[in-house]
Amino acid sequence: MNIGRFRKLCLLTAFAALPFLLGCPPPPPRGVVYVAVAPPAAQVEVVGVAPGPEHVWIAGHHEWRGNAYVWVSGHWAARPHRGARWVAGRWRHNRSGWYWVDGHWR
């Protein structure tokens, strides 16, 4: 490999890694709906006693429904398997606007 080609490869690699080095989030999945207005602050929820030791509280969140945010209340959910951990959904922002990333079990 000649020096010019090597430099070009290094430059392209550095450029591709730049978003990760700056802490930019990855792009959202296809089919995501972008919202121009930031979501409101989360509502305070009263979390009762878990129905059982295998249950985890999944906090409520604001959901975009066409022209406004609507609060979706939190709920208890049973772990799908022992040791499962809930990763909460969250609103993220990029140049196109705000978009929702679903929560999931890990």
PDB file of N, CA and C in Angstrom:
ATOM      1  N   MET A   1       0.865  -1.179   0.000  1.00  0.00           N
ATOM      2  CA  MET A   1       0.000   0.000   0.000  1.00  0.00           C
ATOM      3  C   MET A   1       0.903   1.230   0.000  1.00  0.00           C
ATOM      4  N   ASN A   2       0.590   2.170  -0.883  1.00  0.00           N
ATOM      5  CA  ASN A   2       1.426   3.370  -0.928  1.00  0.00           C
ATOM      6  C   ASN A   2       0.994   4.365   0.142  1.00  0.00           C
ATOM      7  N   ILE A   3       1.828   5.350   0.414  1.00  0.00           N
ATOM      8  CA  ILE A   3       1.605   6.322   1.490  1.00  0.00           C
ATOM      9  C   ILE A   3       0.324   7.128   1.259  1.00  0.00           C
ATOM     10  N   GLY A   4       0.062   7.565   0.049  1.00  0.00           N
ATOM     11  CA  GLY A   4      -1.144   8.358  -0.247  1.00  0.00           C
ATOM     12  C   GLY A   4      -2.417   7.582   0.049  1.00  0.00           C
ATOM     13  N   ARG A   5      -2.416   6.334  -0.333  1.00  0.00           N
ATOM     14  CA  ARG A   5      -3.588   5.482  -0.082  1.00  0.00           C
ATOM     15  C   ARG A   5      -3.774   5.237   1.417  1.00  0.00           C
ATOM     16  N   PHE A   6      -2.659   5.033   2.115  1.00  0.00           N
ATOM     17  CA  PHE A   6      -2.705   4.812   3.562  1.00  0.00           C
ATOM     18  C   PHE A   6      -3.254   6.037   4.286  1.00  0.00           C
ATOM     19  N   ARG A   7      -2.790   7.225   3.893  1.00  0.00           N
ATOM     20  CA  ARG A   7      -3.286   8.465   4.505  1.00  0.00           C
ATOM     21  C   ARG A   7      -4.781   8.636   4.273  1.00  0.00           C
ATOM     22  N   LYS A   8      -5.207   8.348   3.057  1.00  0.00           N
ATOM     23  CA  LYS A   8      -6.632   8.467   2.729  1.00  0.00           C
ATOM     24  C   LYS A   8      -7.462   7.502   3.585  1.00  0.00           C
ATOM     25  N   LEU A   9      -6.985   6.283   3.744  1.00  0.00           N
ATOM     26  CA  LEU A   9      -7.679   5.297   4.573  1.00  0.00           C
ATOM     27  C   LEU A   9      -7.746   5.755   6.024  1.00  0.00           C
ATOM     28  N   CYS A  10      -6.651   6.305   6.547  1.00  0.00           N
ATOM     29  CA  CYS A  10      -6.639   6.810   7.930  1.00  0.00           C
ATOM     30  C   CYS A  10      -7.624   7.960   8.099  1.00  0.00           C
ATOM     31  N   LEU A  11      -7.649   8.863   7.130  1.00  0.00           N
ATOM     32  CA  LEU A  11      -8.554  10.006   7.189  1.00  0.00           C
ATOM     33  C   LEU A  11     -10.015   9.555   7.156  1.00  0.00           C
ATOM     34  N   LEU A  12     -10.349   8.617   6.284  1.00  0.00           N
ATOM     35  CA  LEU A  12     -11.722   8.108   6.213  1.00  0.00           C
ATOM     36  C   LEU A  12     -12.122   7.392   7.499  1.00  0.00           C
ATOM     37  N   THR A  13     -11.222   6.635   8.073  1.00  0.00           N
ATOM     38  CA  THR A  13     -11.499   5.936   9.333  1.00  0.00           C
ATOM     39  C   THR A  13     -11.738   6.931  10.460  1.00  0.00           C
ATOM     40  N   ALA A  14     -10.902   7.966  10.534  1.00  0.00           N
ATOM     41  CA  ALA A  14     -11.068   8.988  11.582  1.00  0.00           C
ATOM     42  C   ALA A  14     -12.387   9.724  11.397  1.00  0.00           C
ATOM     43  N   PHE A  15     -12.741  10.043  10.166  1.00  0.00           N
ATOM     44  CA  PHE A  15     -14.001  10.744   9.892  1.00  0.00           C
ATOM     45  C   PHE A  15     -15.194   9.884  10.286  1.00  0.00           C
ATOM     46  N   ALA A  16     -15.147   8.583   9.987  1.00  0.00           N
ATOM     47  CA  ALA A  16     -16.247   7.677  10.333  1.00  0.00           C
ATOM     48  C   ALA A  16     -16.381   7.530  11.850  1.00  0.00           C
ATOM     49  N   ALA A  17     -15.286   7.599  12.575  1.00  0.00           N
ATOM     50  CA  ALA A  17     -15.318   7.425  14.035  1.00  0.00           C
ATOM     51  C   ALA A  17     -15.664   8.712  14.770  1.00  0.00           C
ATOM     52  N   LEU A  18     -15.654   9.847  14.093  1.00  0.00           N
ATOM     53  CA  LEU A  18     -15.871  11.139  14.742  1.00  0.00           C
ATOM     54  C   LEU A  18     -17.171  11.212  15.545  1.00  0.00           C
ATOM     55  N   PRO A  19     -18.334  10.784  15.019  1.00  0.00           N
ATOM     56  CA  PRO A  19     -19.557  10.868  15.835  1.00  0.00           C
ATOM     57  C   PRO A  19     -19.453  10.089  17.151  1.00  0.00           C
ATOM     58  N   PHE A  20     -18.797   8.933  17.123  1.00  0.00           N
ATOM     59  CA  PHE A  20     -18.660   8.135  18.339  1.00  0.00           C
ATOM     60  C   PHE A  20     -17.715   8.805  19.330  1.00  0.00           C
ATOM     61  N   LEU A  21     -16.656   9.416  18.823  1.00  0.00           N
ATOM     62  CA  LEU A  21     -15.706  10.101  19.697  1.00  0.00           C
ATOM     63  C   LEU A  21     -16.319  11.339  20.337  1.00  0.00           C
ATOM     64  N   LEU A  22     -17.258  11.973  19.641  1.00  0.00           N
ATOM     65  CA  LEU A  22     -17.917  13.164  20.172  1.00  0.00           C
ATOM     66  C   LEU A  22     -19.115  12.821  21.055  1.00  0.00           C
ATOM     67  N   GLY A  23     -19.418  11.542  21.170  1.00  0.00           N
ATOM     68  CA  GLY A  23     -20.536  11.119  22.015  1.00  0.00           C
ATOM     69  C   GLY A  23     -21.886  11.284  21.344  1.00  0.00           C
ATOM     70  N   CYS A  24     -21.919  11.370  20.035  1.00  0.00           N
ATOM     71  CA  CYS A  24     -23.191  11.498  19.323  1.00  0.00           C
ATOM     72  C   CYS A  24     -23.920  10.158  19.348  1.00  0.00           C
ATOM     73  N   PRO A  25     -25.236  10.192  19.522  1.00  0.00           N
ATOM     74  CA  PRO A  25     -25.974   8.935  19.518  1.00  0.00           C
ATOM     75  C   PRO A  25     -26.020   8.354  18.113  1.00  0.00           C
ATOM     76  N   PRO A  26     -26.203   7.046  18.015  1.00  0.00           N
ATOM     77  CA  PRO A  26     -26.325   6.438  16.692  1.00  0.00           C
ATOM     78  C   PRO A  26     -27.616   6.918  16.021  1.00  0.00           C
ATOM     79  N   PRO A  27     -27.701   6.818  14.715  1.00  0.00           N
ATOM     80  CA  PRO A  27     -28.921   7.259  14.045  1.00  0.00           C
ATOM     81  C   PRO A  27     -30.104   6.387  14.461  1.00  0.00           C
ATOM     82  N   PRO A  28     -31.310   6.946  14.440  1.00  0.00           N
ATOM     83  CA  PRO A  28     -32.481   6.160  14.832  1.00  0.00           C
ATOM     84  C   PRO A  28     -32.815   5.105  13.783  1.00  0.00           C
ATOM     85  N   PRO A  29     -33.556   4.080  14.178  1.00  0.00           N
ATOM     86  CA  PRO A  29     -33.949   3.057  13.216  1.00  0.00           C
ATOM     87  C   PRO A  29     -34.910   3.626  12.175  1.00  0.00           C
ATOM     88  N   ARG A  30     -35.058   2.920  11.062  1.00  0.00           N
ATOM     89  CA  ARG A  30     -35.993   3.342  10.011  1.00  0.00           C
ATOM     90  C   ARG A  30     -37.414   3.360  10.554  1.00  0.00           C
ATOM     91  N   GLY A  31     -38.229   4.233  10.002  1.00  0.00           N
ATOM     92  CA  GLY A  31     -39.622   4.309  10.409  1.00  0.00           C
ATOM     93  C   GLY A  31     -39.871   5.160  11.639  1.00  0.00           C
ATOM     94  N   VAL A  32     -38.826   5.816  12.132  1.00  0.00           N
ATOM     95  CA  VAL A  32     -38.958   6.647  13.322  1.00  0.00           C
ATOM     96  C   VAL A  32     -39.729   7.912  12.986  1.00  0.00           C
ATOM     97  N   VAL A  33     -40.570   8.338  13.915  1.00  0.00           N
ATOM     98  CA  VAL A  33     -41.306   9.587  13.757  1.00  0.00           C
ATOM     99  C   VAL A  33     -40.559  10.671  14.514  1.00  0.00           C
ATOM    100  N   TYR A  34     -40.257  11.756  13.822  1.00  0.00           N
ATOM    101  CA  TYR A  34     -39.570  12.879  14.448  1.00  0.00           C
ATOM    102  C   TYR A  34     -40.586  13.907  14.918  1.00  0.00           C
ATOM    103  N   VAL A  35     -40.312  14.500  16.071  1.00  0.00           N
ATOM    104  CA  VAL A  35     -41.172  15.521  16.662  1.00  0.00           C
ATOM    105  C   VAL A  35     -40.323  16.782  16.835  1.00  0.00           C
ATOM    106  N   ALA A  36     -40.849  17.921  16.413  1.00  0.00           N
ATOM    107  CA  ALA A  36     -40.099  19.174  16.487  1.00  0.00           C
ATOM    108  C   ALA A  36     -40.037  19.736  17.904  1.00  0.00           C
ATOM    109  N   VAL A  37     -41.016  19.398  18.735  1.00  0.00           N
ATOM    110  CA  VAL A  37     -41.122  19.939  20.090  1.00  0.00           C
ATOM    111  C   VAL A  37     -40.563  18.930  21.093  1.00  0.00           C
ATOM    112  N   ALA A  38     -39.735  19.408  22.011  1.00  0.00           N
ATOM    113  CA  ALA A  38     -39.171  18.525  23.038  1.00  0.00           C
ATOM    114  C   ALA A  38     -40.274  17.960  23.926  1.00  0.00           C
ATOM    115  N   PRO A  39     -40.100  16.732  24.416  1.00  0.00           N
ATOM    116  CA  PRO A  39     -41.095  16.172  25.319  1.00  0.00           C
ATOM    117  C   PRO A  39     -41.104  16.908  26.655  1.00  0.00           C
ATOM    118  N   PRO A  40     -42.266  16.964  27.310  1.00  0.00           N
ATOM    119  CA  PRO A  40     -42.323  17.589  28.640  1.00  0.00           C
ATOM    120  C   PRO A  40     -41.556  16.742  29.659  1.00  0.00           C
ATOM    121  N   ALA A  41     -41.324  17.317  30.814  1.00  0.00           N
ATOM    122  CA  ALA A  41     -40.678  16.571  31.899  1.00  0.00           C
ATOM    123  C   ALA A  41     -41.572  15.401  32.307  1.00  0.00           C
ATOM    124  N   ALA A  42     -40.941  14.333  32.735  1.00  0.00           N
ATOM    125  CA  ALA A  42     -41.695  13.159  33.179  1.00  0.00           C
ATOM    126  C   ALA A  42     -42.576  13.510  34.372  1.00  0.00           C
ATOM    127  N   GLN A  43     -43.730  12.884  34.451  1.00  0.00           N
ATOM    128  CA  GLN A  43     -44.620  13.100  35.585  1.00  0.00           C
ATOM    129  C   GLN A  43     -44.150  12.264  36.767  1.00  0.00           C
ATOM    130  N   VAL A  44     -44.463  12.734  37.950  1.00  0.00           N
ATOM    131  CA  VAL A  44     -44.129  11.986  39.159  1.00  0.00           C
ATOM    132  C   VAL A  44     -45.178  10.896  39.323  1.00  0.00           C
ATOM    133  N   GLU A  45     -44.715   9.682  39.491  1.00  0.00           N
ATOM    134  CA  GLU A  45     -45.630   8.546  39.642  1.00  0.00           C
ATOM    135  C   GLU A  45     -45.474   7.937  41.028  1.00  0.00           C
ATOM    136  N   VAL A  46     -46.573   7.446  41.560  1.00  0.00           N
ATOM    137  CA  VAL A  46     -46.537   6.723  42.824  1.00  0.00           C
ATOM    138  C   VAL A  46     -46.351   5.256  42.478  1.00  0.00           C
ATOM    139  N   VAL A  47     -45.253   4.695  42.932  1.00  0.00           N
ATOM    140  CA  VAL A  47     -44.939   3.296  42.653  1.00  0.00           C
ATOM    141  C   VAL A  47     -45.344   2.481  43.872  1.00  0.00           C
ATOM    142  N   GLY A  48     -46.306   1.643  43.704  1.00  0.00           N
ATOM    143  CA  GLY A  48     -46.763   0.807  44.812  1.00  0.00           C
ATOM    144  C   GLY A  48     -45.834  -0.376  45.033  1.00  0.00           C
ATOM    145  N   VAL A  49     -46.345  -1.344  45.769  1.00  0.00           N
ATOM    146  CA  VAL A  49     -45.587  -2.556  46.073  1.00  0.00           C
ATOM    147  C   VAL A  49     -45.665  -3.504  44.875  1.00  0.00           C
ATOM    148  N   ALA A  50     -44.538  -4.102  44.537  1.00  0.00           N
ATOM    149  CA  ALA A  50     -44.500  -5.043  43.418  1.00  0.00           C
ATOM    150  C   ALA A  50     -45.427  -6.221  43.678  1.00  0.00           C
ATOM    151  N   PRO A  51     -46.107  -6.708  42.636  1.00  0.00           N
ATOM    152  CA  PRO A  51     -46.985  -7.864  42.811  1.00  0.00           C
ATOM    153  C   PRO A  51     -46.233  -9.142  43.159  1.00  0.00           C
ATOM    154  N   GLY A  52     -44.939  -9.161  42.879  1.00  0.00           N
ATOM    155  CA  GLY A  52     -44.137 -10.340  43.203  1.00  0.00           C
ATOM    156  C   GLY A  52     -42.659 -10.029  42.992  1.00  0.00           C
ATOM    157  N   PRO A  53     -41.780 -10.907  43.470  1.00  0.00           N
ATOM    158  CA  PRO A  53     -40.345 -10.651  43.373  1.00  0.00           C
ATOM    159  C   PRO A  53     -39.818 -10.656  41.933  1.00  0.00           C
ATOM    160  N   GLU A  54     -40.551 -11.240  41.016  1.00  0.00           N
ATOM    161  CA  GLU A  54     -40.110 -11.304  39.620  1.00  0.00           C
ATOM    162  C   GLU A  54     -40.563 -10.092  38.798  1.00  0.00           C
ATOM    163  N   HIS A  55     -41.222  -9.134  39.451  1.00  0.00           N
ATOM    164  CA  HIS A  55     -41.741  -7.957  38.755  1.00  0.00           C
ATOM    165  C   HIS A  55     -40.799  -6.762  38.848  1.00  0.00           C
ATOM    166  N   VAL A  56     -40.809  -5.962  37.782  1.00  0.00           N
ATOM    167  CA  VAL A  56     -39.975  -4.766  37.672  1.00  0.00           C
ATOM    168  C   VAL A  56     -40.879  -3.599  37.299  1.00  0.00           C
ATOM    169  N   TRP A  57     -40.629  -2.435  37.894  1.00  0.00           N
ATOM    170  CA  TRP A  57     -41.406  -1.242  37.553  1.00  0.00           C
ATOM    171  C   TRP A  57     -40.891  -0.661  36.244  1.00  0.00           C
ATOM    172  N   ILE A  58     -41.791  -0.469  35.304  1.00  0.00           N
ATOM    173  CA  ILE A  58     -41.467   0.179  34.035  1.00  0.00           C
ATOM    174  C   ILE A  58     -42.108   1.559  34.092  1.00  0.00           C
ATOM    175  N   ALA A  59     -41.267   2.574  34.202  1.00  0.00           N
ATOM    176  CA  ALA A  59     -41.744   3.945  34.406  1.00  0.00           C
ATOM    177  C   ALA A  59     -42.558   4.450  33.219  1.00  0.00           C
ATOM    178  N   GLY A  60     -43.456   5.380  33.524  1.00  0.00           N
ATOM    179  CA  GLY A  60     -44.261   5.998  32.479  1.00  0.00           C
ATOM    180  C   GLY A  60     -43.422   6.944  31.628  1.00  0.00           C
ATOM    181  N   HIS A  61     -43.997   7.355  30.518  1.00  0.00           N
ATOM    182  CA  HIS A  61     -43.293   8.253  29.609  1.00  0.00           C
ATOM    183  C   HIS A  61     -44.295   9.017  28.749  1.00  0.00           C
ATOM    184  N   HIS A  62     -43.827  10.082  28.137  1.00  0.00           N
ATOM    185  CA  HIS A  62     -44.658  10.813  27.192  1.00  0.00           C
ATOM    186  C   HIS A  62     -44.552  10.159  25.824  1.00  0.00           C
ATOM    187  N   GLU A  63     -45.700  10.003  25.184  1.00  0.00           N
ATOM    188  CA  GLU A  63     -45.768   9.414  23.851  1.00  0.00           C
ATOM    189  C   GLU A  63     -46.335  10.456  22.898  1.00  0.00           C
ATOM    190  N   TRP A  64     -45.798  10.541  21.689  1.00  0.00           N
ATOM    191  CA  TRP A  64     -46.300  11.482  20.706  1.00  0.00           C
ATOM    192  C   TRP A  64     -47.459  10.835  19.959  1.00  0.00           C
ATOM    193  N   ARG A  65     -48.597  11.503  19.947  1.00  0.00           N
ATOM    194  CA  ARG A  65     -49.783  10.961  19.270  1.00  0.00           C
ATOM    195  C   ARG A  65     -50.282  11.949  18.218  1.00  0.00           C
ATOM    196  N   GLY A  66     -49.503  12.125  17.181  1.00  0.00           N
ATOM    197  CA  GLY A  66     -49.922  12.926  16.045  1.00  0.00           C
ATOM    198  C   GLY A  66     -49.742  14.417  16.160  1.00  0.00           C
ATOM    199  N   ASN A  67     -50.258  15.016  17.218  1.00  0.00           N
ATOM    200  CA  ASN A  67     -50.133  16.472  17.349  1.00  0.00           C
ATOM    201  C   ASN A  67     -49.891  16.916  18.788  1.00  0.00           C
ATOM    202  N   ALA A  68     -49.693  15.976  19.703  1.00  0.00           N
ATOM    203  CA  ALA A  68     -49.463  16.328  21.104  1.00  0.00           C
ATOM    204  C   ALA A  68     -48.843  15.147  21.849  1.00  0.00           C
ATOM    205  N   TYR A  69     -48.174  15.471  22.955  1.00  0.00           N
ATOM    206  CA  TYR A  69     -47.657  14.425  23.837  1.00  0.00           C
ATOM    207  C   TYR A  69     -48.767  13.977  24.771  1.00  0.00           C
ATOM    208  N   VAL A  70     -48.801  12.675  25.026  1.00  0.00           N
ATOM    209  CA  VAL A  70     -49.772  12.082  25.949  1.00  0.00           C
ATOM    210  C   VAL A  70     -48.980  11.237  26.938  1.00  0.00           C
ATOM    211  N   TRP A  71     -49.339  11.332  28.217  1.00  0.00           N
ATOM    212  CA  TRP A  71     -48.644  10.557  29.245  1.00  0.00           C
ATOM    213  C   TRP A  71     -49.134   9.118  29.230  1.00  0.00           C
ATOM    214  N   VAL A  72     -48.190   8.170  29.206  1.00  0.00           N
ATOM    215  CA  VAL A  72     -48.488   6.746  29.315  1.00  0.00           C
ATOM    216  C   VAL A  72     -47.987   6.323  30.685  1.00  0.00           C
ATOM    217  N   SER A  73     -48.901   5.885  31.543  1.00  0.00           N
ATOM    218  CA  SER A  73     -48.546   5.543  32.927  1.00  0.00           C
ATOM    219  C   SER A  73     -47.617   4.339  33.005  1.00  0.00           C
ATOM    220  N   GLY A  74     -46.805   4.343  34.054  1.00  0.00           N
ATOM    221  CA  GLY A  74     -45.919   3.211  34.302  1.00  0.00           C
ATOM    222  C   GLY A  74     -46.706   1.997  34.772  1.00  0.00           C
ATOM    223  N   HIS A  75     -46.032   0.855  34.802  1.00  0.00           N
ATOM    224  CA  HIS A  75     -46.702  -0.384  35.215  1.00  0.00           C
ATOM    225  C   HIS A  75     -45.663  -1.418  35.661  1.00  0.00           C
ATOM    226  N   TRP A  76     -46.143  -2.412  36.361  1.00  0.00           N
ATOM    227  CA  TRP A  76     -45.293  -3.525  36.768  1.00  0.00           C
ATOM    228  C   TRP A  76     -45.297  -4.563  35.659  1.00  0.00           C
ATOM    229  N   ALA A  77     -44.148  -5.166  35.400  1.00  0.00           N
ATOM    230  CA  ALA A  77     -44.053  -6.225  34.394  1.00  0.00           C
ATOM    231  C   ALA A  77     -43.182  -7.350  34.947  1.00  0.00           C
ATOM    232  N   ALA A  78     -43.567  -8.575  34.631  1.00  0.00           N
ATOM    233  CA  ALA A  78     -42.786  -9.734  35.063  1.00  0.00           C
ATOM    234  C   ALA A  78     -41.550  -9.877  34.168  1.00  0.00           C
ATOM    235  N   ARG A  79     -40.431 -10.209  34.784  1.00  0.00           N
ATOM    236  CA  ARG A  79     -39.206 -10.439  34.006  1.00  0.00           C
ATOM    237  C   ARG A  79     -39.440 -11.614  33.059  1.00  0.00           C
ATOM    238  N   PRO A  80     -38.958 -11.516  31.817  1.00  0.00           N
ATOM    239  CA  PRO A  80     -39.150 -12.635  30.880  1.00  0.00           C
ATOM    240  C   PRO A  80     -38.297 -13.849  31.232  1.00  0.00           C
ATOM    241  N   HIS A  81     -37.205 -13.624  31.977  1.00  0.00           N
ATOM    242  CA  HIS A  81     -36.356 -14.724  32.449  1.00  0.00           C
ATOM    243  C   HIS A  81     -35.554 -14.227  33.651  1.00  0.00           C
ATOM    244  N   ARG A  82     -35.064 -15.156  34.421  1.00  0.00           N
ATOM    245  CA  ARG A  82     -34.304 -14.801  35.619  1.00  0.00           C
ATOM    246  C   ARG A  82     -33.098 -13.939  35.259  1.00  0.00           C
ATOM    247  N   GLY A  83     -32.897 -12.871  36.003  1.00  0.00           N
ATOM    248  CA  GLY A  83     -31.770 -11.982  35.780  1.00  0.00           C
ATOM    249  C   GLY A  83     -32.004 -10.939  34.696  1.00  0.00           C
ATOM    250  N   ALA A  84     -33.189 -10.962  34.062  1.00  0.00           N
ATOM    251  CA  ALA A  84     -33.472  -9.969  33.021  1.00  0.00           C
ATOM    252  C   ALA A  84     -33.490  -8.575  33.631  1.00  0.00           C
ATOM    253  N   ARG A  85     -33.012  -7.613  32.871  1.00  0.00           N
ATOM    254  CA  ARG A  85     -32.943  -6.235  33.333  1.00  0.00           C
ATOM    255  C   ARG A  85     -33.654  -5.348  32.318  1.00  0.00           C
ATOM    256  N   TRP A  86     -34.498  -4.429  32.799  1.00  0.00           N
ATOM    257  CA  TRP A  86     -35.231  -3.514  31.928  1.00  0.00           C
ATOM    258  C   TRP A  86     -34.367  -2.308  31.598  1.00  0.00           C
ATOM    259  N   VAL A  87     -34.227  -2.007  30.318  1.00  0.00           N
ATOM    260  CA  VAL A  87     -33.536  -0.810  29.852  1.00  0.00           C
ATOM    261  C   VAL A  87     -34.635   0.157  29.420  1.00  0.00           C
ATOM    262  N   ALA A  88     -34.768   1.256  30.136  1.00  0.00           N
ATOM    263  CA  ALA A  88     -35.880   2.181  29.919  1.00  0.00           C
ATOM    264  C   ALA A  88     -35.823   2.833  28.542  1.00  0.00           C
ATOM    265  N   GLY A  89     -37.012   3.081  27.985  1.00  0.00           N
ATOM    266  CA  GLY A  89     -37.113   3.840  26.752  1.00  0.00           C
ATOM    267  C   GLY A  89     -36.743   5.294  27.027  1.00  0.00           C
ATOM    268  N   ARG A  90     -36.452   6.040  25.977  1.00  0.00           N
ATOM    269  CA  ARG A  90     -36.045   7.433  26.187  1.00  0.00           C
ATOM    270  C   ARG A  90     -36.230   8.225  24.903  1.00  0.00           C
ATOM    271  N   TRP A  91     -36.378   9.514  25.091  1.00  0.00           N
ATOM    272  CA  TRP A  91     -36.422  10.440  23.967  1.00  0.00           C
ATOM    273  C   TRP A  91     -35.006  10.865  23.641  1.00  0.00           C
ATOM    274  N   ARG A  92     -34.662  10.851  22.345  1.00  0.00           N
ATOM    275  CA  ARG A  92     -33.348  11.306  21.896  1.00  0.00           C
ATOM    276  C   ARG A  92     -33.551  12.429  20.892  1.00  0.00           C
ATOM    277  N   HIS A  93     -32.508  13.187  20.672  1.00  0.00           N
ATOM    278  CA  HIS A  93     -32.602  14.324  19.765  1.00  0.00           C
ATOM    279  C   HIS A  93     -31.447  14.314  18.774  1.00  0.00           C
ATOM    280  N   ASN A  94     -31.760  14.658  17.532  1.00  0.00           N
ATOM    281  CA  ASN A  94     -30.720  14.892  16.530  1.00  0.00           C
ATOM    282  C   ASN A  94     -31.182  16.043  15.640  1.00  0.00           C
ATOM    283  N   ARG A  95     -30.505  16.285  14.538  1.00  0.00           N
ATOM    284  CA  ARG A  95     -30.837  17.425  13.675  1.00  0.00           C
ATOM    285  C   ARG A  95     -32.260  17.366  13.132  1.00  0.00           C
ATOM    286  N   SER A  96     -32.831  16.176  13.015  1.00  0.00           N
ATOM    287  CA  SER A  96     -34.185  16.032  12.470  1.00  0.00           C
ATOM    288  C   SER A  96     -35.276  16.274  13.503  1.00  0.00           C
ATOM    289  N   GLY A  97     -34.928  16.253  14.784  1.00  0.00           N
ATOM    290  CA  GLY A  97     -35.910  16.478  15.847  1.00  0.00           C
ATOM    291  C   GLY A  97     -35.789  15.438  16.945  1.00  0.00           C
ATOM    292  N   TRP A  98     -36.861  15.291  17.707  1.00  0.00           N
ATOM    293  CA  TRP A  98     -36.926  14.328  18.816  1.00  0.00           C
ATOM    294  C   TRP A  98     -37.523  13.032  18.312  1.00  0.00           C
ATOM    295  N   TYR A  99     -37.014  11.905  18.809  1.00  0.00           N
ATOM    296  CA  TYR A  99     -37.566  10.595  18.453  1.00  0.00           C
ATOM    297  C   TYR A  99     -37.479   9.662  19.653  1.00  0.00           C
ATOM    298  N   TRP A 100     -38.399   8.719  19.714  1.00  0.00           N
ATOM    299  CA  TRP A 100     -38.503   7.793  20.836  1.00  0.00           C
ATOM    300  C   TRP A 100     -37.733   6.517  20.540  1.00  0.00           C
ATOM    301  N   VAL A 101     -36.964   6.057  21.533  1.00  0.00           N
ATOM    302  CA  VAL A 101     -36.258   4.781  21.470  1.00  0.00           C
ATOM    303  C   VAL A 101     -36.957   3.869  22.484  1.00  0.00           C
ATOM    304  N   ASP A 102     -37.549   2.784  22.001  1.00  0.00           N
ATOM    305  CA  ASP A 102     -38.295   1.886  22.885  1.00  0.00           C
ATOM    306  C   ASP A 102     -37.411   1.254  23.952  1.00  0.00           C
ATOM    307  N   GLY A 103     -38.026   1.004  25.115  1.00  0.00           N
ATOM    308  CA  GLY A 103     -37.351   0.246  26.160  1.00  0.00           C
ATOM    309  C   GLY A 103     -37.327  -1.226  25.760  1.00  0.00           C
ATOM    310  N   HIS A 104     -36.447  -1.983  26.416  1.00  0.00           N
ATOM    311  CA  HIS A 104     -36.356  -3.413  26.101  1.00  0.00           C
ATOM    312  C   HIS A 104     -35.731  -4.174  27.262  1.00  0.00           C
ATOM    313  N   TRP A 105     -35.911  -5.477  27.229  1.00  0.00           N
ATOM    314  CA  TRP A 105     -35.298  -6.350  28.240  1.00  0.00           C
ATOM    315  C   TRP A 105     -33.914  -6.747  27.787  1.00  0.00           C
ATOM    316  N   ARG A 106     -33.011  -6.807  28.731  1.00  0.00           N
ATOM    317  CA  ARG A 106     -31.642  -7.229  28.436  1.00  0.00           C
ATOM    318  C   ARG A 106     -31.332  -8.415  29.314  1.00  0.00           C
TER     319      ARG A 106
END
